[in-house]
Amino acid sequence: MKKLVKVVSGLVLAVSFTAPKLGVSEVAPTDPAIKKGEKIFVTVKDTKKQTVAVYNKDAKKTSKTVKMGSTFTAKDVKKVNGKKIVKVSSDKWLNTKDVVKD
């Protein structure tokens, strides 16, 4: 009889115990689209150089660079030769892989 009471009370405890409710995790979009007028932030994958190449309107690299951590307002966004680029000033364009929304 004692074993039956122990088993039943153990089952009652196990069934009545509920795990604490965890909050729903927020899922950030993996590649949020950058739109005109949004603030963007320059990120760098190569930690030694700490700079990002600047492109021209035809998506060709120029000799100019931009430092990591710079913030800009996107003036325009377009796709050229398979590259998506963001205009940050009159003659500077950045690859969207090098920037994130601020």
N, C-alpha and C. Protein backbone atom coordinates (compact mmCIF):
# COMPACT_ATOMS: atom_id res chain seq x y z
N MET A 1 0.82 -1.20 0.00
CA MET A 1 0.00 0.00 0.00
C MET A 1 0.87 1.27 0.00
N LYS A 2 2.00 1.21 0.77
CA LYS A 2 2.88 2.37 0.82
C LYS A 2 3.46 2.68 -0.56
N LYS A 3 3.84 1.61 -1.30
CA LYS A 3 4.39 1.81 -2.65
C LYS A 3 3.36 2.47 -3.55
N LEU A 4 2.13 2.04 -3.46
CA LEU A 4 1.07 2.61 -4.29
C LEU A 4 0.86 4.08 -3.96
N VAL A 5 0.91 4.45 -2.69
CA VAL A 5 0.75 5.84 -2.28
C VAL A 5 1.92 6.67 -2.81
N LYS A 6 3.14 6.15 -2.71
CA LYS A 6 4.32 6.86 -3.20
C LYS A 6 4.23 7.08 -4.71
N VAL A 7 3.85 6.05 -5.44
CA VAL A 7 3.76 6.15 -6.89
C VAL A 7 2.68 7.15 -7.29
N VAL A 8 1.51 7.08 -6.65
CA VAL A 8 0.41 7.99 -6.97
C VAL A 8 0.79 9.42 -6.60
N SER A 9 1.39 9.64 -5.43
CA SER A 9 1.76 11.00 -5.04
C SER A 9 2.87 11.54 -5.95
N GLY A 10 3.78 10.66 -6.38
CA GLY A 10 4.83 11.07 -7.32
C GLY A 10 4.25 11.49 -8.65
N LEU A 11 3.25 10.74 -9.15
CA LEU A 11 2.60 11.09 -10.40
C LEU A 11 1.84 12.40 -10.29
N VAL A 12 1.18 12.60 -9.17
CA VAL A 12 0.43 13.84 -8.95
C VAL A 12 1.38 15.03 -8.95
N LEU A 13 2.51 14.91 -8.29
CA LEU A 13 3.49 15.99 -8.28
C LEU A 13 4.04 16.26 -9.68
N ALA A 14 4.35 15.20 -10.40
CA ALA A 14 4.92 15.36 -11.74
C ALA A 14 3.92 16.00 -12.69
N VAL A 15 2.65 15.63 -12.58
CA VAL A 15 1.63 16.18 -13.47
C VAL A 15 1.29 17.62 -13.09
N SER A 16 1.29 17.92 -11.79
CA SER A 16 0.89 19.26 -11.36
C SER A 16 2.00 20.29 -11.61
N PHE A 17 3.25 19.83 -11.67
CA PHE A 17 4.36 20.78 -11.91
C PHE A 17 4.36 21.21 -13.37
N THR A 18 4.37 22.51 -13.59
CA THR A 18 4.44 23.01 -14.96
C THR A 18 5.69 23.85 -15.11
N ALA A 19 6.31 23.74 -16.24
CA ALA A 19 7.51 24.51 -16.52
C ALA A 19 7.15 25.98 -16.65
N PRO A 20 8.06 26.86 -16.27
CA PRO A 20 7.76 28.28 -16.42
C PRO A 20 7.60 28.64 -17.89
N LYS A 21 6.68 29.53 -18.14
CA LYS A 21 6.42 29.95 -19.52
C LYS A 21 7.56 30.84 -20.00
N LEU A 22 8.10 30.50 -21.14
CA LEU A 22 9.16 31.29 -21.72
C LEU A 22 8.56 32.25 -22.74
N GLY A 23 9.10 33.43 -22.83
CA GLY A 23 8.61 34.41 -23.79
C GLY A 23 8.88 33.97 -25.21
N VAL A 24 8.11 34.44 -26.12
CA VAL A 24 8.29 34.11 -27.53
C VAL A 24 9.51 34.86 -28.04
N SER A 25 10.42 34.14 -28.66
CA SER A 25 11.63 34.81 -29.15
C SER A 25 11.30 35.65 -30.37
N GLU A 26 11.96 36.78 -30.45
CA GLU A 26 11.76 37.65 -31.60
C GLU A 26 12.71 37.23 -32.70
N VAL A 27 12.21 37.13 -33.89
CA VAL A 27 13.03 36.73 -35.01
C VAL A 27 13.34 37.96 -35.84
N ALA A 28 14.62 38.28 -35.95
CA ALA A 28 15.03 39.42 -36.76
C ALA A 28 15.12 38.98 -38.21
N PRO A 29 14.70 39.80 -39.13
CA PRO A 29 14.82 39.43 -40.53
C PRO A 29 16.27 39.23 -40.90
N THR A 30 16.56 38.22 -41.70
CA THR A 30 17.95 37.92 -42.04
C THR A 30 18.53 38.93 -43.00
N ASP A 31 17.74 39.47 -43.89
CA ASP A 31 18.24 40.46 -44.84
C ASP A 31 17.19 41.55 -45.01
N PRO A 32 17.09 42.44 -44.03
CA PRO A 32 16.07 43.48 -44.16
C PRO A 32 16.41 44.42 -45.31
N ALA A 33 15.42 44.75 -46.08
CA ALA A 33 15.63 45.63 -47.23
C ALA A 33 15.85 47.05 -46.76
N ILE A 34 16.88 47.68 -47.29
CA ILE A 34 17.18 49.07 -46.96
C ILE A 34 16.43 49.94 -47.95
N LYS A 35 15.75 50.93 -47.43
CA LYS A 35 14.96 51.81 -48.30
C LYS A 35 15.51 53.23 -48.23
N LYS A 36 15.16 54.02 -49.21
CA LYS A 36 15.60 55.41 -49.29
C LYS A 36 15.16 56.18 -48.04
N GLY A 37 16.08 56.97 -47.49
CA GLY A 37 15.78 57.78 -46.33
C GLY A 37 16.07 57.12 -44.99
N GLU A 38 16.43 55.83 -44.98
CA GLU A 38 16.71 55.14 -43.72
C GLU A 38 18.17 55.35 -43.32
N LYS A 39 18.41 55.32 -42.03
CA LYS A 39 19.77 55.41 -41.50
C LYS A 39 20.44 54.06 -41.66
N ILE A 40 21.69 54.09 -42.13
CA ILE A 40 22.46 52.85 -42.27
C ILE A 40 23.77 52.98 -41.51
N PHE A 41 24.33 51.85 -41.13
CA PHE A 41 25.52 51.78 -40.31
C PHE A 41 26.51 50.85 -41.01
N VAL A 42 27.77 51.28 -41.15
CA VAL A 42 28.78 50.49 -41.87
C VAL A 42 29.35 49.43 -40.93
N THR A 43 29.35 48.17 -41.38
CA THR A 43 29.95 47.07 -40.63
C THR A 43 31.10 46.49 -41.43
N VAL A 44 32.05 45.86 -40.74
CA VAL A 44 33.23 45.32 -41.41
C VAL A 44 33.41 43.86 -41.03
N LYS A 45 33.65 43.02 -42.02
CA LYS A 45 33.93 41.62 -41.75
C LYS A 45 35.42 41.39 -41.53
N ASP A 46 36.27 42.17 -42.19
CA ASP A 46 37.71 42.09 -42.03
C ASP A 46 38.12 43.04 -40.92
N THR A 47 38.48 42.50 -39.76
CA THR A 47 38.75 43.35 -38.60
C THR A 47 40.11 44.03 -38.65
N LYS A 48 40.98 43.64 -39.56
CA LYS A 48 42.30 44.27 -39.64
C LYS A 48 42.23 45.62 -40.36
N LYS A 49 41.53 45.66 -41.48
CA LYS A 49 41.47 46.90 -42.26
C LYS A 49 40.54 47.93 -41.65
N GLN A 50 39.40 47.51 -41.14
CA GLN A 50 38.40 48.40 -40.55
C GLN A 50 37.83 49.42 -41.55
N THR A 51 37.91 49.09 -42.82
CA THR A 51 37.34 49.97 -43.85
C THR A 51 36.54 49.15 -44.85
N VAL A 52 35.67 49.84 -45.58
CA VAL A 52 34.82 49.21 -46.59
C VAL A 52 35.03 49.95 -47.90
N ALA A 53 35.04 49.21 -48.99
CA ALA A 53 35.23 49.82 -50.31
C ALA A 53 34.03 50.65 -50.71
N VAL A 54 34.31 51.72 -51.44
CA VAL A 54 33.27 52.59 -51.98
C VAL A 54 33.14 52.27 -53.46
N TYR A 55 31.90 52.23 -53.96
CA TYR A 55 31.63 51.92 -55.36
C TYR A 55 31.13 53.17 -56.08
N ASN A 56 31.20 53.14 -57.42
CA ASN A 56 30.59 54.21 -58.20
C ASN A 56 29.19 53.76 -58.61
N LYS A 57 28.49 54.57 -59.39
CA LYS A 57 27.09 54.26 -59.73
C LYS A 57 26.95 53.02 -60.60
N ASP A 58 28.07 52.56 -61.21
CA ASP A 58 28.04 51.35 -62.03
C ASP A 58 28.49 50.12 -61.25
N ALA A 59 28.57 50.23 -59.93
CA ALA A 59 28.96 49.15 -59.03
C ALA A 59 30.40 48.70 -59.26
N LYS A 60 31.27 49.63 -59.61
CA LYS A 60 32.69 49.33 -59.75
C LYS A 60 33.42 49.99 -58.59
N LYS A 61 34.38 49.24 -58.00
CA LYS A 61 35.11 49.76 -56.85
C LYS A 61 35.94 50.98 -57.23
N THR A 62 35.99 51.94 -56.32
CA THR A 62 36.84 53.12 -56.48
C THR A 62 38.00 52.99 -55.48
N SER A 63 38.91 53.94 -55.50
CA SER A 63 40.03 53.90 -54.57
C SER A 63 39.63 54.41 -53.18
N LYS A 64 38.44 54.95 -53.05
CA LYS A 64 37.97 55.50 -51.77
C LYS A 64 37.50 54.37 -50.83
N THR A 65 37.57 54.67 -49.53
CA THR A 65 37.06 53.73 -48.53
C THR A 65 36.27 54.50 -47.48
N VAL A 66 35.50 53.76 -46.69
CA VAL A 66 34.71 54.34 -45.60
C VAL A 66 35.04 53.54 -44.35
N LYS A 67 35.20 54.21 -43.21
CA LYS A 67 35.56 53.54 -41.97
C LYS A 67 34.36 52.83 -41.35
N MET A 68 34.68 51.77 -40.62
CA MET A 68 33.66 51.03 -39.89
C MET A 68 33.03 51.95 -38.84
N GLY A 69 31.74 51.82 -38.64
CA GLY A 69 31.03 52.60 -37.65
C GLY A 69 30.44 53.89 -38.19
N SER A 70 30.74 54.22 -39.45
CA SER A 70 30.17 55.42 -40.05
C SER A 70 28.67 55.24 -40.23
N THR A 71 27.92 56.31 -40.05
CA THR A 71 26.48 56.25 -40.28
C THR A 71 26.13 57.21 -41.40
N PHE A 72 25.19 56.77 -42.21
CA PHE A 72 24.73 57.56 -43.36
C PHE A 72 23.22 57.45 -43.47
N THR A 73 22.64 58.32 -44.27
CA THR A 73 21.24 58.20 -44.66
C THR A 73 21.23 57.73 -46.10
N ALA A 74 20.48 56.66 -46.36
CA ALA A 74 20.42 56.10 -47.71
C ALA A 74 19.71 57.08 -48.64
N LYS A 75 20.40 57.52 -49.66
CA LYS A 75 19.82 58.45 -50.64
C LYS A 75 19.09 57.71 -51.74
N ASP A 76 19.58 56.51 -52.06
CA ASP A 76 18.98 55.71 -53.13
C ASP A 76 19.48 54.28 -52.99
N VAL A 77 18.74 53.32 -53.51
CA VAL A 77 19.14 51.92 -53.52
C VAL A 77 18.87 51.37 -54.91
N LYS A 78 19.86 50.67 -55.48
CA LYS A 78 19.62 50.06 -56.78
C LYS A 78 20.45 48.80 -56.93
N LYS A 79 20.09 48.01 -57.93
CA LYS A 79 20.78 46.76 -58.21
C LYS A 79 21.46 46.88 -59.56
N VAL A 80 22.78 46.65 -59.59
CA VAL A 80 23.56 46.75 -60.82
C VAL A 80 24.44 45.51 -60.92
N ASN A 81 24.35 44.82 -62.04
CA ASN A 81 25.17 43.62 -62.28
C ASN A 81 25.11 42.61 -61.12
N GLY A 82 23.94 42.44 -60.56
CA GLY A 82 23.76 41.47 -59.49
C GLY A 82 24.16 41.99 -58.11
N LYS A 83 24.72 43.20 -58.03
CA LYS A 83 25.08 43.78 -56.75
C LYS A 83 24.05 44.81 -56.35
N LYS A 84 23.63 44.75 -55.09
CA LYS A 84 22.71 45.75 -54.58
C LYS A 84 23.55 46.81 -53.88
N ILE A 85 23.43 48.06 -54.32
CA ILE A 85 24.23 49.14 -53.76
C ILE A 85 23.36 50.26 -53.22
N VAL A 86 23.90 50.98 -52.23
CA VAL A 86 23.18 52.06 -51.56
C VAL A 86 23.96 53.35 -51.76
N LYS A 87 23.27 54.39 -52.20
CA LYS A 87 23.90 55.69 -52.39
C LYS A 87 23.94 56.42 -51.04
N VAL A 88 25.16 56.89 -50.66
CA VAL A 88 25.29 57.60 -49.38
C VAL A 88 25.67 59.06 -49.58
N SER A 89 26.20 59.40 -50.74
CA SER A 89 26.47 60.80 -51.07
C SER A 89 26.45 60.93 -52.59
N SER A 90 26.81 62.09 -53.09
CA SER A 90 26.68 62.34 -54.53
C SER A 90 27.46 61.35 -55.39
N ASP A 91 28.62 60.90 -54.92
CA ASP A 91 29.41 59.98 -55.75
C ASP A 91 29.83 58.71 -55.01
N LYS A 92 29.31 58.47 -53.82
CA LYS A 92 29.67 57.28 -53.03
C LYS A 92 28.50 56.31 -52.95
N TRP A 93 28.78 55.07 -53.28
CA TRP A 93 27.82 53.99 -53.17
C TRP A 93 28.47 52.87 -52.35
N LEU A 94 27.70 52.21 -51.50
CA LEU A 94 28.21 51.11 -50.69
C LEU A 94 27.42 49.84 -51.01
N ASN A 95 28.11 48.70 -50.93
CA ASN A 95 27.45 47.41 -51.12
C ASN A 95 26.55 47.14 -49.91
N THR A 96 25.35 46.63 -50.16
CA THR A 96 24.41 46.39 -49.04
C THR A 96 24.94 45.33 -48.07
N LYS A 97 25.89 44.51 -48.52
CA LYS A 97 26.47 43.50 -47.61
C LYS A 97 27.35 44.16 -46.55
N ASP A 98 27.77 45.39 -46.80
CA ASP A 98 28.66 46.09 -45.87
C ASP A 98 27.92 47.03 -44.92
N VAL A 99 26.60 47.13 -45.04
CA VAL A 99 25.83 48.03 -44.19
C VAL A 99 24.64 47.32 -43.57
N VAL A 100 24.19 47.86 -42.44
CA VAL A 100 22.98 47.37 -41.78
C VAL A 100 22.13 48.56 -41.41
N LYS A 101 20.85 48.32 -41.18
CA LYS A 101 19.97 49.40 -40.74
C LYS A 101 20.39 49.84 -39.37
N ASP A 102 20.36 51.14 -39.13
CA ASP A 102 20.76 51.69 -37.83
C ASP A 102 19.57 51.71 -36.90
